[in-house]
């Protein structure tokens, strides 16, 4: 049965339409689970839906076929496909990976023509070896794929006598002929490096501008676990001047133009317990989605043909401390009937950034954090179809309770982040308002018992709802809920075969729209996939 589902990109406010032909998943299945983890386990899998592929002519191009042993980037070239035209209804990226032995989780990126089209992390392998794959809809980068481009990919790795896992990846793009369901950006731009920083020069007839930032805290230091950091005088190993609140900001010519809450990524070695993640990774671990900022209110300023300074920073990171990566792509839709679209920024109002952490010492130390920020930006453009006004309001909030004991033998966090965005566009035709409400949740604890057993219990939530209203008429609603729960333990400071590791994990991914739903649940026990159930 063909079902159309209105869904939202979690990192953006634009409604996308995807079509699913059935669920594509097997019925619930059972498997005998061992008493503890062995030397092999089920290949990594997620409950997220596969990318829907249209039934049209397709062409495939290989972007990379490479093994990563160190921090040397792969460099190659891309040429457009032959036989599928130069406009595509969909472009699907697929990464197939394999690794065996012993290895940490590693972060990676893939650039085509300087445009970041994938940010990812890797699973940690079993001694016997694992395989996994990642799919991503990259149709929005149509403009990048129309010409020959340089390709750069890196999954930084270390291979030696201890860490033996060589990461072997094969990456392809599959192009499907036809027109996309939603108009793809006319241009995909990157920032230019100048002596004064990074600059952006947009086409003079831009009528919609969206910046996307692939922001990740990483590098193995405390910024990988930024949500656990505390300020003095709290006695905790990861410190930050103002506590755990982080906010990814984008500025245009020094003026605050966009704010967003970073997603609390957990990589496959996270929370001191790789046994949580061997089969089910945390949400977004393999497909790190960019934060999106609607910069259309600034289009009147940016359309003057001159380079403008664009800066991305992460509020809350201690001064001089590294650990964040934030590459930027800029997506531009142009007015096909006007060479120069004029306009102006009419409002840019931000509240004071609220950020308060209260430290309560004791047998169980505690830090309570409450933080938030609000920004409203407005502007207009005089397009070929009349004056169009755009107002973007974004409101961020974070609450968390962090508890730990002496020596951090018990270390727990209960945190919630909300990121609300409202975009109102008025002018020709009815006024359209799109409201996106995002909620990220993290609730768990790691404990080390007197028997030197480390146990982690953790729940993660990645949720979003989108409501789109047009004038006083129709309303479209969709929502997504990706929830992970895990409980795993093992013995510390012993050889691998003496850890006696056990662990269970579940993931349920639900997506509902006006015309259908997707609902899939996975369960694992000691690395065995014991349930794969679809409810829609």
Protein backbone atom coordinates (compact mmCIF):
# COMPACT_ATOMS: atom_id res chain seq x y z
CA UNK A 1 0.00 0.00 0.00
CA UNK A 2 1.35 3.40 -0.94
CA UNK A 3 1.37 5.91 1.89
CA UNK A 4 2.50 9.50 1.87
CA UNK A 5 3.90 10.86 5.07
CA UNK A 6 4.48 14.52 5.79
CA UNK A 7 7.62 14.65 7.88
CA UNK A 8 10.04 17.28 9.12
CA UNK A 9 13.77 17.48 8.83
CA UNK A 10 14.74 17.53 12.50
CA UNK A 11 17.39 20.12 11.87
CA UNK A 12 15.12 22.43 9.88
CA UNK A 13 11.67 23.87 9.65
CA UNK A 14 10.82 22.85 6.10
CA UNK A 15 8.21 20.15 5.59
CA UNK A 16 9.38 17.35 3.36
CA UNK A 17 7.20 14.71 1.76
CA UNK A 18 8.43 11.10 1.68
CA UNK A 19 6.67 8.08 0.28
CA UNK A 20 6.96 4.61 1.81
CA UNK A 21 5.89 1.45 0.01
CA UNK A 22 5.11 -0.77 2.96
CA UNK A 23 7.46 -0.82 5.94
CA UNK A 24 10.40 -2.59 4.37
CA UNK A 25 11.02 -4.43 7.64
CA UNK A 26 10.46 -8.05 8.65
CA UNK A 27 7.85 -9.16 11.14
CA UNK A 28 8.76 -9.47 14.80
CA UNK A 29 11.50 -12.02 15.22
CA UNK A 30 13.02 -13.83 18.18
CA UNK A 31 16.52 -15.19 18.66
CA UNK A 32 18.25 -17.09 21.44
CA UNK A 33 20.50 -14.68 23.30
CA UNK A 34 23.75 -15.81 24.95
CA UNK A 35 24.34 -15.35 28.66
CA UNK A 36 26.88 -12.60 27.94
CA UNK A 37 28.64 -10.87 25.06
CA UNK A 38 30.98 -13.07 23.02
CA UNK A 39 33.51 -12.20 20.32
CA UNK A 40 30.89 -11.35 17.72
CA UNK A 41 27.49 -9.70 17.61
CA UNK A 42 24.83 -8.49 15.21
CA UNK A 43 25.89 -5.86 12.71
CA UNK A 44 24.86 -2.30 13.69
CA UNK A 45 21.31 -1.35 12.69
CA UNK A 46 18.90 1.49 13.39
CA UNK A 47 15.11 1.69 13.48
CA UNK A 48 15.03 4.77 11.24
CA UNK A 49 13.27 4.33 7.87
CA UNK A 50 15.30 3.74 4.72
CA UNK A 51 15.42 6.57 2.22
CA UNK A 52 12.48 6.23 -0.15
CA UNK A 53 13.58 5.78 -3.76
CA UNK A 54 11.42 6.72 -6.75
CA UNK A 55 10.65 4.22 -9.53
CA UNK A 56 12.48 6.15 -12.24
CA UNK A 57 15.65 5.68 -14.25
CA UNK A 58 18.72 5.77 -11.98
CA UNK A 59 22.49 6.16 -12.30
CA UNK A 60 25.16 5.40 -9.70
CA UNK A 61 28.47 7.16 -9.09
CA UNK A 62 31.21 6.03 -6.70
CA UNK A 63 32.55 8.85 -4.51
CA UNK A 64 35.09 6.93 -2.42
CA UNK A 65 36.45 3.42 -1.98
CA UNK A 66 39.09 3.68 0.71
CA UNK A 67 40.60 2.30 3.92
CA UNK A 68 41.33 4.68 6.79
CA UNK A 69 44.35 3.83 8.94
CA UNK A 70 45.44 7.31 10.04
CA UNK A 71 44.51 10.97 9.65
CA UNK A 72 45.32 11.25 5.95
CA UNK A 73 42.27 12.43 3.98
CA UNK A 74 41.13 10.58 0.89
CA UNK A 75 41.11 12.89 -2.13
CA UNK A 76 39.46 12.06 -5.43
CA UNK A 77 37.22 13.52 -8.10
CA UNK A 78 33.51 13.43 -8.85
CA UNK A 79 31.93 13.55 -12.31
CA UNK A 80 28.16 13.90 -12.91
CA UNK A 81 26.31 10.75 -13.95
CA UNK A 82 25.53 10.05 -17.58
CA UNK A 83 22.10 9.04 -18.74
CA UNK A 84 20.00 10.60 -15.97
CA UNK A 85 19.90 14.24 -17.07
CA UNK A 86 21.11 17.19 -14.99
CA UNK A 87 18.04 17.52 -12.75
CA UNK A 88 17.15 14.73 -10.37
CA UNK A 89 14.04 13.87 -8.37
CA UNK A 90 16.23 12.39 -5.66
CA UNK A 91 19.89 11.82 -4.91
CA UNK A 92 20.72 9.16 -2.31
CA UNK A 93 24.08 8.78 -0.61
CA UNK A 94 25.03 5.34 0.72
CA UNK A 95 28.05 4.52 2.84
CA UNK A 96 28.95 0.85 3.34
CA UNK A 97 31.56 0.21 6.02
CA UNK A 98 33.34 -2.71 7.64
CA UNK A 99 35.90 -3.04 10.42
CA UNK A 100 37.21 -5.83 12.63
CA UNK A 101 39.53 -6.19 15.62
CA UNK A 102 39.76 -3.45 18.23
CA UNK A 103 39.08 0.22 17.57
CA UNK A 104 37.58 3.34 19.11
CA UNK A 105 34.62 5.17 17.62
CA UNK A 106 35.81 7.65 15.00
CA UNK A 107 34.29 10.78 13.46
CA UNK A 108 34.27 11.46 9.75
CA UNK A 109 33.17 13.85 7.02
CA UNK A 110 32.63 13.81 3.27
CA UNK A 111 33.00 16.92 1.10
CA UNK A 112 32.13 17.35 -2.58
CA UNK A 113 33.37 20.62 -4.03
CA UNK A 114 33.98 21.86 -0.49
CA UNK A 115 30.32 21.23 0.46
CA UNK A 116 29.86 18.93 3.45
CA UNK A 117 27.28 16.32 2.44
CA UNK A 118 27.83 13.84 5.28
CA UNK A 119 29.09 13.91 8.84
CA UNK A 120 29.21 10.54 10.52
CA UNK A 121 30.73 8.41 13.24
CA UNK A 122 31.70 4.75 13.24
CA UNK A 123 30.64 1.76 15.33
CA UNK A 124 33.20 -0.03 17.49
CA UNK A 125 33.98 -3.47 16.01
CA UNK A 126 33.87 -6.99 17.31
CA UNK A 127 37.04 -9.15 17.09
CA UNK A 128 35.32 -11.13 14.32
CA UNK A 129 34.29 -8.01 12.37
CA UNK A 130 31.13 -6.03 11.60
CA UNK A 131 29.55 -4.31 8.61
CA UNK A 132 27.15 -1.38 8.57
CA UNK A 133 25.67 1.13 6.19
CA UNK A 134 24.32 4.69 6.24
CA UNK A 135 21.78 6.18 3.81
CA UNK A 136 21.04 9.86 3.41
CA UNK A 137 18.83 11.92 1.10
CA UNK A 138 21.19 14.54 -0.37
CA UNK A 139 18.84 15.94 -3.04
CA UNK A 140 19.25 19.41 -1.57
CA UNK A 141 22.84 19.44 -2.93
CA UNK A 142 21.67 19.07 -6.56
CA UNK A 143 23.57 22.21 -7.56
CA UNK A 144 26.84 20.77 -6.26
CA UNK A 145 26.43 17.55 -8.25
CA UNK A 146 25.89 19.18 -11.67
CA UNK A 147 29.60 19.77 -12.34
CA UNK A 148 32.86 17.90 -11.82
CA UNK A 149 34.15 18.45 -8.28
CA UNK A 150 36.96 17.52 -5.94
CA UNK A 151 36.09 14.95 -3.27
CA UNK A 152 37.60 14.85 0.20
CA UNK A 153 36.77 12.32 2.89
CA UNK A 154 38.32 11.60 6.27
CA UNK A 155 37.56 9.23 9.10
CA UNK A 156 40.55 9.91 11.34
CA UNK A 157 41.91 6.65 12.73
CA UNK A 158 44.83 5.13 14.62
CA UNK A 159 46.07 1.63 13.82
CA UNK A 160 48.83 0.07 15.91
CA UNK A 161 49.55 -3.07 17.91
CA UNK A 162 46.62 -2.33 20.26
CA UNK A 163 44.02 -0.66 18.02
CA UNK A 164 43.92 -2.92 15.01
CA UNK A 165 40.69 -1.92 13.29
CA UNK A 166 41.16 -0.59 9.76
CA UNK A 167 38.00 1.26 8.64
CA UNK A 168 37.01 0.19 5.13
CA UNK A 169 34.32 2.31 3.41
CA UNK A 170 32.64 2.48 0.03
CA UNK A 171 30.48 5.53 -0.74
CA UNK A 172 28.12 5.99 -3.68
CA UNK A 173 25.55 8.47 -4.96
CA UNK A 174 22.48 7.19 -6.78
CA UNK A 175 20.66 9.70 -9.01
CA UNK A 176 16.99 9.32 -9.96
CA UNK A 177 15.71 11.15 -13.03
CA UNK A 178 12.81 13.58 -12.70
CA UNK A 179 11.81 16.64 -10.69
CA UNK A 180 12.19 16.72 -6.89
CA UNK A 181 9.04 16.87 -4.76
CA UNK A 182 10.24 20.17 -3.31
CA UNK A 183 12.33 22.71 -5.28
CA UNK A 184 16.01 22.11 -4.54
CA UNK A 185 18.20 25.13 -3.80
CA UNK A 186 19.50 26.89 -6.93
CA UNK A 187 22.91 27.37 -5.36
CA UNK A 188 24.86 25.63 -2.59
CA UNK A 189 27.63 27.88 -1.29
CA UNK A 190 30.46 27.57 1.18
CA UNK A 191 32.19 30.30 3.15
CA UNK A 192 35.38 31.84 1.78
CA UNK A 193 38.43 32.24 4.01
CA UNK A 194 39.72 35.81 4.13
CA UNK A 195 42.25 37.61 6.37
CA UNK A 196 39.29 38.94 8.40
CA UNK A 197 37.61 35.55 8.83
CA UNK A 198 35.02 33.80 6.69
CA UNK A 199 32.85 35.60 4.17
CA UNK A 200 29.78 34.85 2.07
CA UNK A 201 28.82 36.35 -1.29
CA UNK A 202 25.30 35.41 -2.43
CA UNK A 203 23.66 35.88 -5.83
CA UNK A 204 22.00 39.30 -6.04
CA UNK A 205 18.59 37.76 -6.71
CA UNK A 206 18.44 35.49 -3.65
CA UNK A 207 14.93 35.22 -2.24
CA UNK A 208 15.48 32.49 0.35
CA UNK A 209 18.71 31.75 2.23
CA UNK A 210 19.26 28.89 4.68
CA UNK A 211 22.56 28.17 6.43
CA UNK A 212 23.26 24.68 7.70
CA UNK A 213 25.94 23.99 10.31
CA UNK A 214 27.26 20.49 11.02
CA UNK A 215 28.10 21.26 14.65
CA UNK A 216 29.68 18.49 16.74
CA UNK A 217 31.48 18.54 20.04
CA UNK A 218 34.26 15.99 19.77
CA UNK A 219 37.98 15.46 19.93
CA UNK A 220 38.07 13.13 22.93
CA UNK A 221 38.11 15.94 25.50
CA UNK A 222 35.42 17.31 27.74
CA UNK A 223 33.55 19.03 24.90
CA UNK A 224 32.57 15.58 23.65
CA UNK A 225 30.52 15.41 26.88
CA UNK A 226 29.72 19.12 27.10
CA UNK A 227 26.36 18.41 28.75
CA UNK A 228 28.21 17.08 31.84
CA UNK A 229 30.61 19.99 32.36
CA UNK A 230 30.43 22.07 35.54
CA UNK A 231 31.77 25.42 36.68
CA UNK A 232 33.95 26.13 39.69
CA UNK A 233 33.80 25.48 42.60
CA UNK A 234 32.14 22.14 41.78
CA UNK A 235 34.54 19.21 42.17
CA UNK A 236 34.08 17.42 38.86
CA UNK A 237 36.65 16.34 36.28
CA UNK A 238 35.17 18.21 33.28
CA UNK A 239 35.08 21.96 33.83
CA UNK A 240 33.60 24.86 31.86
CA UNK A 241 33.51 28.49 32.94
CA UNK A 242 29.73 28.72 32.80
CA UNK A 243 28.60 25.12 33.10
CA UNK A 244 26.98 22.80 30.53
CA UNK A 245 24.87 25.16 28.44
CA UNK A 246 25.90 25.31 24.78
CA UNK A 247 24.36 27.32 21.97
CA UNK A 248 25.45 27.42 18.33
CA UNK A 249 25.24 31.00 17.06
CA UNK A 250 25.61 32.44 13.58
CA UNK A 251 26.38 36.12 12.98
CA UNK A 252 26.26 38.24 9.83
CA UNK A 253 28.61 41.23 9.86
CA UNK A 254 28.84 40.91 13.63
CA UNK A 255 25.08 40.89 14.21
CA UNK A 256 23.40 37.85 15.75
CA UNK A 257 21.38 36.25 12.94
CA UNK A 258 20.53 32.78 14.28
CA UNK A 259 20.67 30.57 17.36
CA UNK A 260 20.20 26.82 17.83
CA UNK A 261 20.57 24.11 20.46
CA UNK A 262 23.22 21.55 19.51
CA UNK A 263 22.04 17.96 19.49
CA UNK A 264 23.56 15.99 22.43
CA UNK A 265 25.32 13.40 20.27
CA UNK A 266 26.49 10.20 21.94
CA UNK A 267 29.08 8.26 19.96
CA UNK A 268 29.48 4.49 20.11
CA UNK A 269 31.95 4.55 22.99
CA UNK A 270 29.87 7.07 24.93
CA UNK A 271 29.04 7.03 28.62
CA UNK A 272 32.05 4.76 29.31
CA UNK A 273 30.15 1.75 27.97
CA UNK A 274 30.51 0.51 24.37
CA UNK A 275 28.26 -2.47 25.17
CA UNK A 276 25.29 -0.09 24.99
CA UNK A 277 25.96 0.66 21.33
CA UNK A 278 27.39 -2.41 19.61
CA UNK A 279 24.13 -3.09 17.73
CA UNK A 280 21.92 -0.02 18.24
CA UNK A 281 23.74 3.33 18.00
CA UNK A 282 22.35 6.40 19.71
CA UNK A 283 20.02 8.57 17.59
CA UNK A 284 21.88 10.47 14.83
CA UNK A 285 25.25 8.81 15.59
CA UNK A 286 25.77 7.59 12.02
CA UNK A 287 23.99 10.50 10.29
CA UNK A 288 24.83 13.76 12.05
CA UNK A 289 22.21 16.22 10.84
CA UNK A 290 23.06 19.88 10.42
CA UNK A 291 21.48 22.68 12.39
CA UNK A 292 19.52 24.98 10.10
CA UNK A 293 19.17 28.75 10.24
CA UNK A 294 16.71 30.67 8.06
CA UNK A 295 18.69 33.77 7.08
CA UNK A 296 16.07 35.06 4.61
CA UNK A 297 15.47 38.23 6.69
CA UNK A 298 19.11 39.10 5.91
CA UNK A 299 18.73 38.53 2.15
CA UNK A 300 18.14 42.23 1.40
CA UNK A 301 21.49 43.01 3.02
CA UNK A 302 23.33 40.05 1.48
CA UNK A 303 22.02 40.76 -2.05
CA UNK A 304 24.28 43.81 -2.53
CA UNK A 305 26.88 41.74 -4.38
CA UNK A 306 29.58 42.27 -1.77
CA UNK A 307 31.19 39.68 0.54
CA UNK A 308 29.75 39.68 4.06
CA UNK A 309 31.40 38.34 7.17
CA UNK A 310 29.72 35.19 8.55
CA UNK A 311 30.84 33.71 11.86
CA UNK A 312 29.74 30.58 13.70
CA UNK A 313 30.56 30.16 17.38
CA UNK A 314 29.50 27.95 20.26
CA UNK A 315 28.46 29.90 23.34
CA UNK A 316 29.56 28.26 26.59
CA UNK A 317 32.84 26.77 25.41
CA UNK A 318 35.68 27.90 27.70
CA UNK A 319 37.86 30.57 26.10
CA UNK A 320 40.72 29.12 24.09
CA UNK A 321 39.41 25.55 24.33
CA UNK A 322 38.98 23.49 21.20
CA UNK A 323 36.68 20.55 20.65
CA UNK A 324 33.96 21.84 18.32
CA UNK A 325 33.70 21.55 14.57
CA UNK A 326 31.11 23.67 12.74
CA UNK A 327 31.42 23.65 8.92
CA UNK A 328 28.81 25.73 7.08
CA UNK A 329 26.87 25.28 3.83
CA UNK A 330 24.57 28.01 2.55
CA UNK A 331 21.53 27.06 0.47
CA UNK A 332 20.08 29.72 -1.82
CA UNK A 333 16.84 29.85 -3.79
CA UNK A 334 16.86 32.56 -6.50
CA UNK A 335 14.19 34.71 -8.15
CA UNK A 336 14.20 33.45 -11.74
CA UNK A 337 12.55 36.64 -13.07
CA UNK A 338 14.69 39.34 -11.48
CA UNK A 339 18.46 39.90 -11.65
CA UNK A 340 18.57 41.92 -8.42
CA UNK A 341 16.18 41.48 -5.51
CA UNK A 342 16.30 44.38 -3.08
CA UNK A 343 15.09 44.50 0.49
CA UNK A 344 16.04 45.29 4.06
CA UNK A 345 16.46 43.89 7.53
CA UNK A 346 13.68 45.44 9.61
CA UNK A 347 14.24 43.88 13.02
CA UNK A 348 16.78 41.87 14.99
CA UNK A 349 15.92 41.53 18.68
CA UNK A 350 17.51 39.11 21.14
CA UNK A 351 16.78 38.55 24.80
CA UNK A 352 19.62 38.37 27.28
CA UNK A 353 21.14 34.89 27.31
CA UNK A 354 20.03 33.35 30.62
CA UNK A 355 22.41 30.77 32.08
CA UNK A 356 22.43 29.81 35.75
CA UNK A 357 24.06 26.76 37.35
CA UNK A 358 23.63 26.13 41.08
CA UNK A 359 26.12 23.83 42.82
CA UNK A 360 25.03 21.91 45.93
CA UNK A 361 27.87 19.93 47.53
CA UNK A 362 27.32 16.81 49.60
CA UNK A 363 27.73 13.03 49.59
CA UNK A 364 25.94 13.32 46.27
CA UNK A 365 27.10 16.52 44.58
CA UNK A 366 24.52 18.27 42.45
CA UNK A 367 24.44 20.99 39.78
CA UNK A 368 21.10 22.37 38.63
CA UNK A 369 21.18 24.31 35.35
CA UNK A 370 18.54 26.49 33.76
CA UNK A 371 19.36 28.39 30.58
CA UNK A 372 17.75 29.84 27.49
CA UNK A 373 17.74 32.48 24.79
CA UNK A 374 15.29 34.05 22.32
CA UNK A 375 15.88 35.78 18.98
CA UNK A 376 13.47 37.38 16.50
CA UNK A 377 14.66 38.54 13.07
CA UNK A 378 12.50 40.20 10.39
CA UNK A 379 13.08 41.47 6.87
CA UNK A 380 11.47 42.02 3.48
CA UNK A 381 12.32 41.49 -0.18
CA UNK A 382 10.82 43.15 -3.27
CA UNK A 383 10.64 40.14 -5.56
CA UNK A 384 9.24 39.68 -9.07
CA UNK A 385 6.00 38.54 -7.42
CA UNK A 386 5.71 41.41 -4.96
CA UNK A 387 6.98 42.31 -1.52
CA UNK A 388 7.56 39.32 0.74
CA UNK A 389 8.21 39.64 4.47
CA UNK A 390 9.84 36.95 6.58
CA UNK A 391 9.94 36.79 10.37
CA UNK A 392 11.92 34.11 12.19
CA UNK A 393 11.57 33.60 15.94
CA UNK A 394 13.63 31.01 17.79
CA UNK A 395 13.45 30.18 21.49
CA UNK A 396 15.93 27.86 23.22
CA UNK A 397 15.73 26.37 26.72
CA UNK A 398 17.78 23.86 28.69
CA UNK A 399 17.20 22.35 32.13
CA UNK A 400 19.44 19.72 33.67
CA UNK A 401 20.28 18.06 36.97
CA UNK A 402 23.75 16.53 37.24
CA UNK A 403 24.54 14.32 40.25
CA UNK A 404 27.79 12.58 41.14
CA UNK A 405 29.59 11.10 44.13
CA UNK A 406 33.22 11.37 45.23
CA UNK A 407 35.50 9.79 42.66
CA UNK A 408 32.58 9.97 40.20
CA UNK A 409 31.79 6.32 40.89
CA UNK A 410 28.19 7.39 40.43
CA UNK A 411 27.61 9.96 37.69
CA UNK A 412 24.12 10.81 36.42
CA UNK A 413 22.31 13.38 34.32
CA UNK A 414 18.68 14.24 33.67
CA UNK A 415 18.54 16.91 30.95
CA UNK A 416 16.05 18.38 28.47
CA UNK A 417 16.69 20.77 25.59
CA UNK A 418 13.93 22.51 23.63
CA UNK A 419 14.41 24.43 20.39
CA UNK A 420 11.28 26.19 19.06
CA UNK A 421 11.27 27.98 15.73
CA UNK A 422 8.47 29.88 14.02
CA UNK A 423 8.86 31.16 10.44
CA UNK A 424 6.13 33.44 9.06
CA UNK A 425 6.16 34.41 5.37
CA UNK A 426 3.68 37.00 4.07
CA UNK A 427 3.14 38.86 0.83
CA UNK A 428 1.78 37.31 -2.35
CA UNK A 429 -0.96 34.87 -1.43
CA UNK A 430 -1.94 33.72 2.08
CA UNK A 431 0.45 34.15 5.00
CA UNK A 432 2.25 30.90 5.83
CA UNK A 433 3.54 30.02 9.28
CA UNK A 434 5.63 26.97 10.06
CA UNK A 435 6.24 26.15 13.71
CA UNK A 436 8.82 23.49 14.60
CA UNK A 437 9.19 22.26 18.17
CA UNK A 438 12.25 20.11 18.91
CA UNK A 439 12.92 18.30 22.18
CA UNK A 440 16.07 16.37 23.07
CA UNK A 441 16.21 14.27 26.25
CA UNK A 442 19.01 12.49 28.12
CA UNK A 443 18.41 10.62 31.37
CA UNK A 444 20.88 8.13 32.76
CA UNK A 445 23.67 7.22 35.14
CA UNK A 446 26.93 5.30 35.23
CA UNK A 447 27.93 3.52 38.45
CA UNK A 448 30.98 1.53 39.51
CA UNK A 449 30.26 -1.02 42.23
CA UNK A 450 32.54 -2.46 44.89
CA UNK A 451 33.04 -5.49 42.61
CA UNK A 452 34.50 -3.15 39.95
CA UNK A 453 31.47 -3.67 37.74
CA UNK A 454 30.58 -0.62 35.64
CA UNK A 455 26.90 -0.26 34.79
CA UNK A 456 25.25 2.34 32.58
CA UNK A 457 21.49 2.87 32.35
CA UNK A 458 20.51 5.48 29.78
CA UNK A 459 17.48 6.81 27.90
CA UNK A 460 17.75 9.22 24.95
CA UNK A 461 14.99 11.03 23.08
CA UNK A 462 15.02 12.88 19.76
CA UNK A 463 11.60 14.41 19.12
CA UNK A 464 10.10 16.99 16.79
CA UNK A 465 6.69 18.26 15.78
CA UNK A 466 5.82 20.53 12.87
CA UNK A 467 2.65 22.54 12.36
CA UNK A 468 2.22 24.43 9.08
CA UNK A 469 -0.66 26.89 8.68
CA UNK A 470 -1.62 28.76 5.53
CA UNK A 471 -3.81 31.80 6.09
CA UNK A 472 -6.93 30.84 7.97
CA UNK A 473 -7.22 27.61 6.02
CA UNK A 474 -5.53 24.21 6.08
CA UNK A 475 -3.17 23.03 8.76
CA UNK A 476 -0.59 20.28 8.29
CA UNK A 477 0.82 18.45 11.30
CA UNK A 478 3.55 15.86 11.66
CA UNK A 479 5.64 14.51 14.50
CA UNK A 480 8.66 12.30 15.05
CA UNK A 481 9.81 10.40 18.14
CA UNK A 482 13.09 8.45 18.14
CA UNK A 483 13.67 6.91 21.60
CA UNK A 484 16.59 4.77 22.74
CA UNK A 485 16.95 2.88 26.05
CA UNK A 486 19.91 0.82 27.17
CA UNK A 487 21.28 -1.01 30.23
CA UNK A 488 24.74 -2.61 30.10
CA UNK A 489 27.47 -3.64 32.54
CA UNK A 490 30.94 -5.18 32.48
CA UNK A 491 33.97 -5.71 34.75
CA UNK A 492 36.65 -3.03 34.56
CA UNK A 493 40.44 -3.49 34.29
CA UNK A 494 40.43 -7.10 33.12
CA UNK A 495 41.15 -8.70 29.71
CA UNK A 496 38.32 -8.57 27.24
CA UNK A 497 37.36 -12.22 27.68
CA UNK A 498 36.95 -11.69 31.43
CA UNK A 499 34.63 -8.70 31.32
CA UNK A 500 31.46 -10.86 31.48
CA UNK A 501 29.60 -8.07 29.71
CA UNK A 502 25.81 -8.07 29.45
CA UNK A 503 23.47 -5.52 27.97
CA UNK A 504 20.05 -4.85 26.54
CA UNK A 505 18.98 -2.01 24.28
CA UNK A 506 15.83 -0.89 22.50
CA UNK A 507 15.01 1.74 19.92
CA UNK A 508 11.59 2.83 18.71
CA UNK A 509 11.31 5.21 15.79
CA UNK A 510 7.87 6.70 15.10
CA UNK A 511 6.93 9.12 12.35
CA UNK A 512 3.34 10.32 11.87
CA UNK A 513 1.85 12.69 9.32
CA UNK A 514 -1.54 13.54 7.80
CA UNK A 515 -1.62 10.50 5.52
CA UNK A 516 0.27 7.72 7.25
CA UNK A 517 2.80 6.56 9.75
CA UNK A 518 6.06 4.68 10.21
CA UNK A 519 6.66 2.80 13.48
CA UNK A 520 9.53 0.35 14.00
CA UNK A 521 11.00 -1.13 17.20
CA UNK A 522 14.27 -3.03 17.69
CA UNK A 523 15.46 -4.92 20.77
CA UNK A 524 18.86 -6.48 21.49
CA UNK A 525 20.15 -8.77 24.24
CA UNK A 526 23.90 -9.42 24.59
CA UNK A 527 24.45 -8.28 21.01
CA UNK A 528 21.71 -10.43 19.49
CA UNK A 529 18.80 -8.74 17.71
CA UNK A 530 15.81 -10.35 19.43
CA UNK A 531 12.99 -8.21 18.06
CA UNK A 532 12.32 -6.26 14.87
CA UNK A 533 8.70 -5.12 14.85
CA UNK A 534 6.75 -2.77 12.59
CA UNK A 535 3.41 -1.43 13.75
CA UNK A 536 2.26 0.61 10.74
